[in-house]
Amino acid sequence: MTEETWASGIGAYRAEIDGIDEKVIEAIALRFAAARKIAELKSKWEKPVVQTERALQVEQSYIELGSNFSLSKDFMSRLYHLIHEETCRVEADIVHLQQQIEGHGEEIG
């Protein structure tokens, strides 16, 4: 095997990974868009950002889906927690902003 063969072979796989990564990031962005809508509802209905029962259900779902693709339970749990942590931060920011807007509306009106 020559260096040229190596570079050509690995280049094709890296291009494949780059394309997959783009889809993963797009999917995560769509997930956060949905989370923003949920945050608006939580704010309107004065619900807490973190709903423990739902969080546990989603983590379990990640683990089960991951096992279908031979992904480790530990990895899927860590991935879930990373995404969940950022989702909570995004939702909390939106809830806080909505509360500020509503608070100013009452002062003005």
PDB file of N, CA and C in Angstrom:
ATOM      1  N   MET A   1       0.851  -1.176   0.000  1.00  0.00           N
ATOM      2  CA  MET A   1       0.000   0.000   0.000  1.00  0.00           C
ATOM      3  C   MET A   1       0.899   1.242   0.000  1.00  0.00           C
ATOM      4  N   THR A   2       0.575   2.175  -0.865  1.00  0.00           N
ATOM      5  CA  THR A   2       1.361   3.403  -0.961  1.00  0.00           C
ATOM      6  C   THR A   2       0.713   4.501  -0.136  1.00  0.00           C
ATOM      7  N   GLU A   3       1.479   5.563   0.098  1.00  0.00           N
ATOM      8  CA  GLU A   3       0.934   6.725   0.808  1.00  0.00           C
ATOM      9  C   GLU A   3      -0.251   7.320   0.053  1.00  0.00           C
ATOM     10  N   GLU A   4      -0.188   7.274  -1.273  1.00  0.00           N
ATOM     11  CA  GLU A   4      -1.272   7.810  -2.095  1.00  0.00           C
ATOM     12  C   GLU A   4      -2.552   6.994  -1.885  1.00  0.00           C
ATOM     13  N   THR A   5      -2.408   5.686  -1.817  1.00  0.00           N
ATOM     14  CA  THR A   5      -3.564   4.815  -1.571  1.00  0.00           C
ATOM     15  C   THR A   5      -4.140   5.096  -0.191  1.00  0.00           C
ATOM     16  N   TRP A   6      -3.241   5.217   0.791  1.00  0.00           N
ATOM     17  CA  TRP A   6      -3.657   5.546   2.160  1.00  0.00           C
ATOM     18  C   TRP A   6      -4.425   6.857   2.191  1.00  0.00           C
ATOM     19  N   ALA A   7      -3.865   7.905   1.607  1.00  0.00           N
ATOM     20  CA  ALA A   7      -4.485   9.232   1.618  1.00  0.00           C
ATOM     21  C   ALA A   7      -5.835   9.216   0.908  1.00  0.00           C
ATOM     22  N   SER A   8      -5.909   8.513  -0.188  1.00  0.00           N
ATOM     23  CA  SER A   8      -7.155   8.420  -0.935  1.00  0.00           C
ATOM     24  C   SER A   8      -8.220   7.688  -0.123  1.00  0.00           C
ATOM     25  N   GLY A   9      -7.840   6.586   0.485  1.00  0.00           N
ATOM     26  CA  GLY A   9      -8.789   5.786   1.270  1.00  0.00           C
ATOM     27  C   GLY A   9      -9.295   6.521   2.489  1.00  0.00           C
ATOM     28  N   ILE A  10      -8.368   7.098   3.236  1.00  0.00           N
ATOM     29  CA  ILE A  10      -8.787   7.800   4.454  1.00  0.00           C
ATOM     30  C   ILE A  10      -9.540   9.084   4.107  1.00  0.00           C
ATOM     31  N   GLY A  11      -9.173   9.712   3.012  1.00  0.00           N
ATOM     32  CA  GLY A  11      -9.870  10.928   2.585  1.00  0.00           C
ATOM     33  C   GLY A  11     -11.340  10.674   2.305  1.00  0.00           C
ATOM     34  N   ALA A  12     -11.633   9.552   1.690  1.00  0.00           N
ATOM     35  CA  ALA A  12     -13.031   9.202   1.393  1.00  0.00           C
ATOM     36  C   ALA A  12     -13.814   8.985   2.688  1.00  0.00           C
ATOM     37  N   TYR A  13     -13.216   8.293   3.636  1.00  0.00           N
ATOM     38  CA  TYR A  13     -13.897   8.057   4.910  1.00  0.00           C
ATOM     39  C   TYR A  13     -14.073   9.352   5.700  1.00  0.00           C
ATOM     40  N   ARG A  14     -13.066  10.209   5.643  1.00  0.00           N
ATOM     41  CA  ARG A  14     -13.180  11.489   6.346  1.00  0.00           C
ATOM     42  C   ARG A  14     -14.273  12.354   5.732  1.00  0.00           C
ATOM     43  N   ALA A  15     -14.409  12.322   4.418  1.00  0.00           N
ATOM     44  CA  ALA A  15     -15.485  13.066   3.752  1.00  0.00           C
ATOM     45  C   ALA A  15     -16.840  12.506   4.176  1.00  0.00           C
ATOM     46  N   GLU A  16     -16.916  11.195   4.306  1.00  0.00           N
ATOM     47  CA  GLU A  16     -18.155  10.560   4.768  1.00  0.00           C
ATOM     48  C   GLU A  16     -18.499  11.022   6.185  1.00  0.00           C
ATOM     49  N   ILE A  17     -17.488  11.025   7.063  1.00  0.00           N
ATOM     50  CA  ILE A  17     -17.691  11.477   8.436  1.00  0.00           C
ATOM     51  C   ILE A  17     -18.109  12.944   8.461  1.00  0.00           C
ATOM     52  N   ASP A  18     -17.473  13.781   7.650  1.00  0.00           N
ATOM     53  CA  ASP A  18     -17.839  15.200   7.602  1.00  0.00           C
ATOM     54  C   ASP A  18     -19.305  15.375   7.223  1.00  0.00           C
ATOM     55  N   GLY A  19     -19.776  14.603   6.251  1.00  0.00           N
ATOM     56  CA  GLY A  19     -21.173  14.683   5.838  1.00  0.00           C
ATOM     57  C   GLY A  19     -22.116  14.240   6.944  1.00  0.00           C
ATOM     58  N   ILE A  20     -21.749  13.174   7.636  1.00  0.00           N
ATOM     59  CA  ILE A  20     -22.554  12.682   8.757  1.00  0.00           C
ATOM     60  C   ILE A  20     -22.572  13.706   9.879  1.00  0.00           C
ATOM     61  N   ASP A  21     -21.404  14.291  10.199  1.00  0.00           N
ATOM     62  CA  ASP A  21     -21.336  15.309  11.249  1.00  0.00           C
ATOM     63  C   ASP A  21     -22.245  16.489  10.937  1.00  0.00           C
ATOM     64  N   GLU A  22     -22.299  16.887   9.683  1.00  0.00           N
ATOM     65  CA  GLU A  22     -23.176  17.988   9.292  1.00  0.00           C
ATOM     66  C   GLU A  22     -24.635  17.635   9.594  1.00  0.00           C
ATOM     67  N   LYS A  23     -25.031  16.404   9.302  1.00  0.00           N
ATOM     68  CA  LYS A  23     -26.400  15.964   9.577  1.00  0.00           C
ATOM     69  C   LYS A  23     -26.675  15.902  11.073  1.00  0.00           C
ATOM     70  N   VAL A  24     -25.688  15.454  11.854  1.00  0.00           N
ATOM     71  CA  VAL A  24     -25.839  15.390  13.309  1.00  0.00           C
ATOM     72  C   VAL A  24     -26.056  16.789  13.870  1.00  0.00           C
ATOM     73  N   ILE A  25     -25.241  17.744  13.420  1.00  0.00           N
ATOM     74  CA  ILE A  25     -25.354  19.116  13.916  1.00  0.00           C
ATOM     75  C   ILE A  25     -26.683  19.734  13.496  1.00  0.00           C
ATOM     76  N   GLU A  26     -27.106  19.454  12.273  1.00  0.00           N
ATOM     77  CA  GLU A  26     -28.411  19.950  11.815  1.00  0.00           C
ATOM     78  C   GLU A  26     -29.533  19.368  12.687  1.00  0.00           C
ATOM     79  N   ALA A  27     -29.449  18.084  13.007  1.00  0.00           N
ATOM     80  CA  ALA A  27     -30.460  17.451  13.857  1.00  0.00           C
ATOM     81  C   ALA A  27     -30.467  18.066  15.256  1.00  0.00           C
ATOM     82  N   ILE A  28     -29.295  18.345  15.792  1.00  0.00           N
ATOM     83  CA  ILE A  28     -29.218  18.971  17.117  1.00  0.00           C
ATOM     84  C   ILE A  28     -29.823  20.378  17.066  1.00  0.00           C
ATOM     85  N   ALA A  29     -29.550  21.115  15.997  1.00  0.00           N
ATOM     86  CA  ALA A  29     -30.130  22.452  15.854  1.00  0.00           C
ATOM     87  C   ALA A  29     -31.658  22.376  15.805  1.00  0.00           C
ATOM     88  N   LEU A  30     -32.191  21.386  15.106  1.00  0.00           N
ATOM     89  CA  LEU A  30     -33.647  21.208  15.061  1.00  0.00           C
ATOM     90  C   LEU A  30     -34.196  20.869  16.439  1.00  0.00           C
ATOM     91  N   ARG A  31     -33.447  20.083  17.187  1.00  0.00           N
ATOM     92  CA  ARG A  31     -33.869  19.735  18.547  1.00  0.00           C
ATOM     93  C   ARG A  31     -33.939  20.987  19.422  1.00  0.00           C
ATOM     94  N   PHE A  32     -32.944  21.853  19.289  1.00  0.00           N
ATOM     95  CA  PHE A  32     -32.955  23.079  20.080  1.00  0.00           C
ATOM     96  C   PHE A  32     -34.063  24.023  19.648  1.00  0.00           C
ATOM     97  N   ALA A  33     -34.409  24.026  18.380  1.00  0.00           N
ATOM     98  CA  ALA A  33     -35.535  24.845  17.915  1.00  0.00           C
ATOM     99  C   ALA A  33     -36.824  24.371  18.581  1.00  0.00           C
ATOM    100  N   ALA A  34     -37.003  23.064  18.678  1.00  0.00           N
ATOM    101  CA  ALA A  34     -38.185  22.522  19.359  1.00  0.00           C
ATOM    102  C   ALA A  34     -38.138  22.856  20.851  1.00  0.00           C
ATOM    103  N   ALA A  35     -36.957  22.795  21.446  1.00  0.00           N
ATOM    104  CA  ALA A  35     -36.817  23.118  22.871  1.00  0.00           C
ATOM    105  C   ALA A  35     -37.170  24.580  23.144  1.00  0.00           C
ATOM    106  N   ARG A  36     -36.858  25.462  22.205  1.00  0.00           N
ATOM    107  CA  ARG A  36     -37.221  26.872  22.378  1.00  0.00           C
ATOM    108  C   ARG A  36     -38.735  27.035  22.418  1.00  0.00           C
ATOM    109  N   LYS A  37     -39.436  26.291  21.583  1.00  0.00           N
ATOM    110  CA  LYS A  37     -40.907  26.343  21.582  1.00  0.00           C
ATOM    111  C   LYS A  37     -41.459  25.813  22.902  1.00  0.00           C
ATOM    112  N   ILE A  38     -40.850  24.745  23.401  1.00  0.00           N
ATOM    113  CA  ILE A  38     -41.253  24.186  24.687  1.00  0.00           C
ATOM    114  C   ILE A  38     -41.007  25.201  25.796  1.00  0.00           C
ATOM    115  N   ALA A  39     -39.884  25.905  25.732  1.00  0.00           N
ATOM    116  CA  ALA A  39     -39.562  26.911  26.754  1.00  0.00           C
ATOM    117  C   ALA A  39     -40.615  28.008  26.784  1.00  0.00           C
ATOM    118  N   GLU A  40     -41.079  28.408  25.615  1.00  0.00           N
ATOM    119  CA  GLU A  40     -42.124  29.435  25.565  1.00  0.00           C
ATOM    120  C   GLU A  40     -43.396  28.948  26.245  1.00  0.00           C
ATOM    121  N   LEU A  41     -43.754  27.685  26.018  1.00  0.00           N
ATOM    122  CA  LEU A  41     -44.931  27.120  26.685  1.00  0.00           C
ATOM    123  C   LEU A  41     -44.719  27.007  28.193  1.00  0.00           C
ATOM    124  N   LYS A  42     -43.522  26.557  28.583  1.00  0.00           N
ATOM    125  CA  LYS A  42     -43.231  26.449  30.015  1.00  0.00           C
ATOM    126  C   LYS A  42     -43.337  27.811  30.683  1.00  0.00           C
ATOM    127  N   SER A  43     -42.852  28.833  30.007  1.00  0.00           N
ATOM    128  CA  SER A  43     -42.938  30.179  30.558  1.00  0.00           C
ATOM    129  C   SER A  43     -44.393  30.614  30.685  1.00  0.00           C
ATOM    130  N   LYS A  44     -45.152  30.404  29.633  1.00  0.00           N
ATOM    131  CA  LYS A  44     -46.570  30.796  29.621  1.00  0.00           C
ATOM    132  C   LYS A  44     -47.350  30.094  30.725  1.00  0.00           C
ATOM    133  N   TRP A  45     -47.077  28.831  30.915  1.00  0.00           N
ATOM    134  CA  TRP A  45     -47.802  28.032  31.902  1.00  0.00           C
ATOM    135  C   TRP A  45     -47.088  27.967  33.254  1.00  0.00           C
ATOM    136  N   GLU A  46     -46.006  28.722  33.394  1.00  0.00           N
ATOM    137  CA  GLU A  46     -45.235  28.793  34.635  1.00  0.00           C
ATOM    138  C   GLU A  46     -44.818  27.409  35.130  1.00  0.00           C
ATOM    139  N   LYS A  47     -44.264  26.635  34.215  1.00  0.00           N
ATOM    140  CA  LYS A  47     -43.774  25.297  34.535  1.00  0.00           C
ATOM    141  C   LYS A  47     -42.255  25.358  34.686  1.00  0.00           C
ATOM    142  N   PRO A  48     -41.690  24.468  35.496  1.00  0.00           N
ATOM    143  CA  PRO A  48     -40.234  24.473  35.675  1.00  0.00           C
ATOM    144  C   PRO A  48     -39.516  24.029  34.401  1.00  0.00           C
ATOM    145  N   VAL A  49     -38.319  24.544  34.216  1.00  0.00           N
ATOM    146  CA  VAL A  49     -37.514  24.163  33.051  1.00  0.00           C
ATOM    147  C   VAL A  49     -37.209  22.668  33.110  1.00  0.00           C
ATOM    148  N   VAL A  50     -36.751  22.195  34.244  1.00  0.00           N
ATOM    149  CA  VAL A  50     -36.404  20.775  34.382  1.00  0.00           C
ATOM    150  C   VAL A  50     -37.612  20.019  34.920  1.00  0.00           C
ATOM    151  N   GLN A  51     -38.015  19.019  34.184  1.00  0.00           N
ATOM    152  CA  GLN A  51     -39.094  18.126  34.605  1.00  0.00           C
ATOM    153  C   GLN A  51     -38.476  16.736  34.710  1.00  0.00           C
ATOM    154  N   THR A  52     -38.165  16.366  35.937  1.00  0.00           N
ATOM    155  CA  THR A  52     -37.330  15.200  36.229  1.00  0.00           C
ATOM    156  C   THR A  52     -37.843  13.921  35.579  1.00  0.00           C
ATOM    157  N   GLU A  53     -39.131  13.659  35.671  1.00  0.00           N
ATOM    158  CA  GLU A  53     -39.667  12.424  35.105  1.00  0.00           C
ATOM    159  C   GLU A  53     -39.414  12.358  33.596  1.00  0.00           C
ATOM    160  N   ARG A  54     -39.654  13.479  32.906  1.00  0.00           N
ATOM    161  CA  ARG A  54     -39.418  13.526  31.463  1.00  0.00           C
ATOM    162  C   ARG A  54     -37.925  13.352  31.159  1.00  0.00           C
ATOM    163  N   ALA A  55     -37.077  13.986  31.945  1.00  0.00           N
ATOM    164  CA  ALA A  55     -35.634  13.872  31.724  1.00  0.00           C
ATOM    165  C   ALA A  55     -35.179  12.420  31.842  1.00  0.00           C
ATOM    166  N   LEU A  56     -35.682  11.711  32.831  1.00  0.00           N
ATOM    167  CA  LEU A  56     -35.318  10.307  33.004  1.00  0.00           C
ATOM    168  C   LEU A  56     -35.822   9.454  31.839  1.00  0.00           C
ATOM    169  N   GLN A  57     -37.023   9.760  31.352  1.00  0.00           N
ATOM    170  CA  GLN A  57     -37.571   9.029  30.202  1.00  0.00           C
ATOM    171  C   GLN A  57     -36.704   9.235  28.960  1.00  0.00           C
ATOM    172  N   VAL A  58     -36.299  10.477  28.732  1.00  0.00           N
ATOM    173  CA  VAL A  58     -35.501  10.771  27.537  1.00  0.00           C
ATOM    174  C   VAL A  58     -34.126  10.128  27.642  1.00  0.00           C
ATOM    175  N   GLU A  59     -33.513  10.173  28.821  1.00  0.00           N
ATOM    176  CA  GLU A  59     -32.209   9.520  28.980  1.00  0.00           C
ATOM    177  C   GLU A  59     -32.332   8.026  28.686  1.00  0.00           C
ATOM    178  N   GLN A  60     -33.371   7.398  29.215  1.00  0.00           N
ATOM    179  CA  GLN A  60     -33.568   5.972  28.963  1.00  0.00           C
ATOM    180  C   GLN A  60     -33.776   5.707  27.478  1.00  0.00           C
ATOM    181  N   SER A  61     -34.479   6.595  26.810  1.00  0.00           N
ATOM    182  CA  SER A  61     -34.707   6.467  25.371  1.00  0.00           C
ATOM    183  C   SER A  61     -33.382   6.534  24.611  1.00  0.00           C
ATOM    184  N   TYR A  62     -32.515   7.463  25.002  1.00  0.00           N
ATOM    185  CA  TYR A  62     -31.188   7.568  24.377  1.00  0.00           C
ATOM    186  C   TYR A  62     -30.433   6.250  24.530  1.00  0.00           C
ATOM    187  N   ILE A  63     -30.456   5.716  25.744  1.00  0.00           N
ATOM    188  CA  ILE A  63     -29.716   4.485  26.028  1.00  0.00           C
ATOM    189  C   ILE A  63     -30.268   3.329  25.196  1.00  0.00           C
ATOM    190  N   GLU A  64     -31.591   3.224  25.121  1.00  0.00           N
ATOM    191  CA  GLU A  64     -32.202   2.138  24.354  1.00  0.00           C
ATOM    192  C   GLU A  64     -31.930   2.291  22.858  1.00  0.00           C
ATOM    193  N   LEU A  65     -32.083   3.507  22.340  1.00  0.00           N
ATOM    194  CA  LEU A  65     -31.799   3.730  20.927  1.00  0.00           C
ATOM    195  C   LEU A  65     -30.332   3.440  20.617  1.00  0.00           C
ATOM    196  N   GLY A  66     -29.461   3.889  21.501  1.00  0.00           N
ATOM    197  CA  GLY A  66     -28.034   3.642  21.305  1.00  0.00           C
ATOM    198  C   GLY A  66     -27.706   2.167  21.289  1.00  0.00           C
ATOM    199  N   SER A  67     -28.357   1.404  22.161  1.00  0.00           N
ATOM    200  CA  SER A  67     -28.074  -0.034  22.207  1.00  0.00           C
ATOM    201  C   SER A  67     -28.480  -0.716  20.904  1.00  0.00           C
ATOM    202  N   ASN A  68     -29.488  -0.170  20.216  1.00  0.00           N
ATOM    203  CA  ASN A  68     -29.886  -0.717  18.916  1.00  0.00           C
ATOM    204  C   ASN A  68     -28.779  -0.579  17.876  1.00  0.00           C
ATOM    205  N   PHE A  69     -27.858   0.334  18.113  1.00  0.00           N
ATOM    206  CA  PHE A  69     -26.755   0.585  17.181  1.00  0.00           C
ATOM    207  C   PHE A  69     -25.399   0.234  17.799  1.00  0.00           C
ATOM    208  N   SER A  70     -25.429  -0.576  18.838  1.00  0.00           N
ATOM    209  CA  SER A  70     -24.216  -1.037  19.534  1.00  0.00           C
ATOM    210  C   SER A  70     -23.404   0.107  20.125  1.00  0.00           C
ATOM    211  N   LEU A  71     -24.093   1.158  20.575  1.00  0.00           N
ATOM    212  CA  LEU A  71     -23.428   2.269  21.256  1.00  0.00           C
ATOM    213  C   LEU A  71     -23.551   2.038  22.760  1.00  0.00           C
ATOM    214  N   SER A  72     -22.483   2.296  23.478  1.00  0.00           N
ATOM    215  CA  SER A  72     -22.459   1.966  24.905  1.00  0.00           C
ATOM    216  C   SER A  72     -23.441   2.821  25.701  1.00  0.00           C
ATOM    217  N   LYS A  73     -23.928   2.203  26.764  1.00  0.00           N
ATOM    218  CA  LYS A  73     -24.852   2.877  27.677  1.00  0.00           C
ATOM    219  C   LYS A  73     -24.192   4.133  28.259  1.00  0.00           C
ATOM    220  N   ASP A  74     -22.928   4.016  28.646  1.00  0.00           N
ATOM    221  CA  ASP A  74     -22.205   5.140  29.227  1.00  0.00           C
ATOM    222  C   ASP A  74     -22.107   6.304  28.235  1.00  0.00           C
ATOM    223  N   PHE A  75     -21.750   5.997  27.001  1.00  0.00           N
ATOM    224  CA  PHE A  75     -21.645   7.042  25.987  1.00  0.00           C
ATOM    225  C   PHE A  75     -22.987   7.724  25.768  1.00  0.00           C
ATOM    226  N   MET A  76     -24.049   6.945  25.631  1.00  0.00           N
ATOM    227  CA  MET A  76     -25.364   7.516  25.364  1.00  0.00           C
ATOM    228  C   MET A  76     -25.850   8.357  26.549  1.00  0.00           C
ATOM    229  N   SER A  77     -25.557   7.920  27.751  1.00  0.00           N
ATOM    230  CA  SER A  77     -25.930   8.694  28.938  1.00  0.00           C
ATOM    231  C   SER A  77     -25.164  10.018  28.974  1.00  0.00           C
ATOM    232  N   ARG A  78     -23.864   9.968  28.679  1.00  0.00           N
ATOM    233  CA  ARG A  78     -23.073  11.197  28.675  1.00  0.00           C
ATOM    234  C   ARG A  78     -23.542  12.149  27.570  1.00  0.00           C
ATOM    235  N   LEU A  79     -23.854  11.588  26.395  1.00  0.00           N
ATOM    236  CA  LEU A  79     -24.362  12.407  25.297  1.00  0.00           C
ATOM    237  C   LEU A  79     -25.676  13.074  25.693  1.00  0.00           C
ATOM    238  N   TYR A  80     -26.572  12.288  26.271  1.00  0.00           N
ATOM    239  CA  TYR A  80     -27.852  12.845  26.724  1.00  0.00           C
ATOM    240  C   TYR A  80     -27.627  13.990  27.703  1.00  0.00           C
ATOM    241  N   HIS A  81     -26.783  13.768  28.712  1.00  0.00           N
ATOM    242  CA  HIS A  81     -26.574  14.802  29.733  1.00  0.00           C
ATOM    243  C   HIS A  81     -25.967  16.072  29.140  1.00  0.00           C
ATOM    244  N   LEU A  82     -25.077  15.925  28.200  1.00  0.00           N
ATOM    245  CA  LEU A  82     -24.497  17.096  27.538  1.00  0.00           C
ATOM    246  C   LEU A  82     -25.574  17.892  26.802  1.00  0.00           C
ATOM    247  N   ILE A  83     -26.391  17.200  26.031  1.00  0.00           N
ATOM    248  CA  ILE A  83     -27.455  17.872  25.288  1.00  0.00           C
ATOM    249  C   ILE A  83     -28.504  18.434  26.247  1.00  0.00           C
ATOM    250  N   HIS A  84     -28.852  17.669  27.276  1.00  0.00           N
ATOM    251  CA  HIS A  84     -29.865  18.120  28.232  1.00  0.00           C
ATOM    252  C   HIS A  84     -29.405  19.372  28.982  1.00  0.00           C
ATOM    253  N   GLU A  85     -28.142  19.396  29.369  1.00  0.00           N
ATOM    254  CA  GLU A  85     -27.602  20.558  30.087  1.00  0.00           C
ATOM    255  C   GLU A  85     -27.731  21.821  29.231  1.00  0.00           C
ATOM    256  N   GLU A  86     -27.374  21.719  27.969  1.00  0.00           N
ATOM    257  CA  GLU A  86     -27.463  22.885  27.087  1.00  0.00           C
ATOM    258  C   GLU A  86     -28.924  23.238  26.806  1.00  0.00           C
ATOM    259  N   THR A  87     -29.773  22.244  26.680  1.00  0.00           N
ATOM    260  CA  THR A  87     -31.203  22.498  26.469  1.00  0.00           C
ATOM    261  C   THR A  87     -31.771  23.263  27.659  1.00  0.00           C
ATOM    262  N   CYS A  88     -31.418  22.860  28.856  1.00  0.00           N
ATOM    263  CA  CYS A  88     -31.899  23.556  30.060  1.00  0.00           C
ATOM    264  C   CYS A  88     -31.401  24.993  30.090  1.00  0.00           C
ATOM    265  N   ARG A  89     -30.153  25.211  29.696  1.00  0.00           N
ATOM    266  CA  ARG A  89     -29.614  26.565  29.668  1.00  0.00           C
ATOM    267  C   ARG A  89     -30.394  27.421  28.677  1.00  0.00           C
ATOM    268  N   VAL A  90     -30.646  26.887  27.486  1.00  0.00           N
ATOM    269  CA  VAL A  90     -31.395  27.617  26.458  1.00  0.00           C
ATOM    270  C   VAL A  90     -32.811  27.913  26.955  1.00  0.00           C
ATOM    271  N   GLU A  91     -33.473  26.905  27.507  1.00  0.00           N
ATOM    272  CA  GLU A  91     -34.841  27.097  27.995  1.00  0.00           C
ATOM    273  C   GLU A  91     -34.882  28.117  29.131  1.00  0.00           C
ATOM    274  N   ALA A  92     -33.940  28.034  30.052  1.00  0.00           N
ATOM    275  CA  ALA A  92     -33.917  28.976  31.181  1.00  0.00           C
ATOM    276  C   ALA A  92     -33.724  30.404  30.684  1.00  0.00           C
ATOM    277  N   ASP A  93     -32.869  30.586  29.686  1.00  0.00           N
ATOM    278  CA  ASP A  93     -32.673  31.926  29.113  1.00  0.00           C
ATOM    279  C   ASP A  93     -33.971  32.456  28.524  1.00  0.00           C
ATOM    280  N   ILE A  94     -34.696  31.601  27.819  1.00  0.00           N
ATOM    281  CA  ILE A  94     -35.953  32.020  27.193  1.00  0.00           C
ATOM    282  C   ILE A  94     -37.002  32.326  28.250  1.00  0.00           C
ATOM    283  N   VAL A  95     -37.127  31.476  29.244  1.00  0.00           N
ATOM    284  CA  VAL A  95     -38.094  31.707  30.325  1.00  0.00           C
ATOM    285  C   VAL A  95     -37.772  33.015  31.029  1.00  0.00           C
ATOM    286  N   HIS A  96     -36.512  33.238  31.317  1.00  0.00           N
ATOM    287  CA  HIS A  96     -36.095  34.479  31.990  1.00  0.00           C
ATOM    288  C   HIS A  96     -36.433  35.703  31.129  1.00  0.00           C
ATOM    289  N   LEU A  97     -36.145  35.629  29.849  1.00  0.00           N
ATOM    290  CA  LEU A  97     -36.451  36.725  28.938  1.00  0.00           C
ATOM    291  C   LEU A  97     -37.952  36.980  28.876  1.00  0.00           C
ATOM    292  N   GLN A  98     -38.743  35.924  28.789  1.00  0.00           N
ATOM    293  CA  GLN A  98     -40.200  36.081  28.750  1.00  0.00           C
ATOM    294  C   GLN A  98     -40.709  36.737  30.033  1.00  0.00           C
ATOM    295  N   GLN A  99     -40.150  36.351  31.163  1.00  0.00           N
ATOM    296  CA  GLN A  99     -40.548  36.941  32.437  1.00  0.00           C
ATOM    297  C   GLN A  99     -40.206  38.421  32.479  1.00  0.00           C
ATOM    298  N   GLN A 100     -39.043  38.786  31.934  1.00  0.00           N
ATOM    299  CA  GLN A 100     -38.665  40.200  31.883  1.00  0.00           C
ATOM    300  C   GLN A 100     -39.621  40.983  30.998  1.00  0.00           C
ATOM    301  N   ILE A 101     -39.953  40.422  29.844  1.00  0.00           N
ATOM    302  CA  ILE A 101     -40.861  41.092  28.914  1.00  0.00           C
ATOM    303  C   ILE A 101     -42.228  41.278  29.564  1.00  0.00           C
ATOM    304  N   GLU A 102     -42.745  40.224  30.186  1.00  0.00           N
ATOM    305  CA  GLU A 102     -44.042  40.303  30.833  1.00  0.00           C
ATOM    306  C   GLU A 102     -44.013  41.280  32.003  1.00  0.00           C
ATOM    307  N   GLY A 103     -42.896  41.311  32.730  1.00  0.00           N
ATOM    308  CA  GLY A 103     -42.764  42.245  33.839  1.00  0.00           C
ATOM    309  C   GLY A 103     -42.770  43.683  33.379  1.00  0.00           C
ATOM    310  N   HIS A 104     -42.101  43.979  32.256  1.00  0.00           N
ATOM    311  CA  HIS A 104     -42.088  45.331  31.704  1.00  0.00           C
ATOM    312  C   HIS A 104     -43.454  45.703  31.153  1.00  0.00           C
ATOM    313  N   GLY A 105     -44.154  44.737  30.596  1.00  0.00           N
ATOM    314  CA  GLY A 105     -45.470  44.997  30.043  1.00  0.00           C
ATOM    315  C   GLY A 105     -46.443  45.446  31.116  1.00  0.00           C
ATOM    316  N   GLU A 106     -46.321  44.850  32.306  1.00  0.00           N
ATOM    317  CA  GLU A 106     -47.204  45.224  33.411  1.00  0.00           C
ATOM    318  C   GLU A 106     -46.881  46.629  33.903  1.00  0.00           C
ATOM    319  N   GLU A 107     -45.600  46.989  33.910  1.00  0.00           N
ATOM    320  CA  GLU A 107     -45.214  48.325  34.382  1.00  0.00           C
ATOM    321  C   GLU A 107     -45.683  49.402  33.403  1.00  0.00           C
ATOM    322  N   ILE A 108     -45.589  49.099  32.108  1.00  0.00           N
ATOM    323  CA  ILE A 108     -45.953  50.082  31.092  1.00  0.00           C
ATOM    324  C   ILE A 108     -47.450  50.241  31.028  1.00  0.00           C
ATOM    325  N   GLY A 109     -48.197  49.130  31.056  1.00  0.00           N
ATOM    326  CA  GLY A 109     -49.655  49.151  30.866  1.00  0.00           C
ATOM    327  C   GLY A 109     -50.336  49.593  32.069  1.00  0.00           C
TER     328      GLY A 109
END
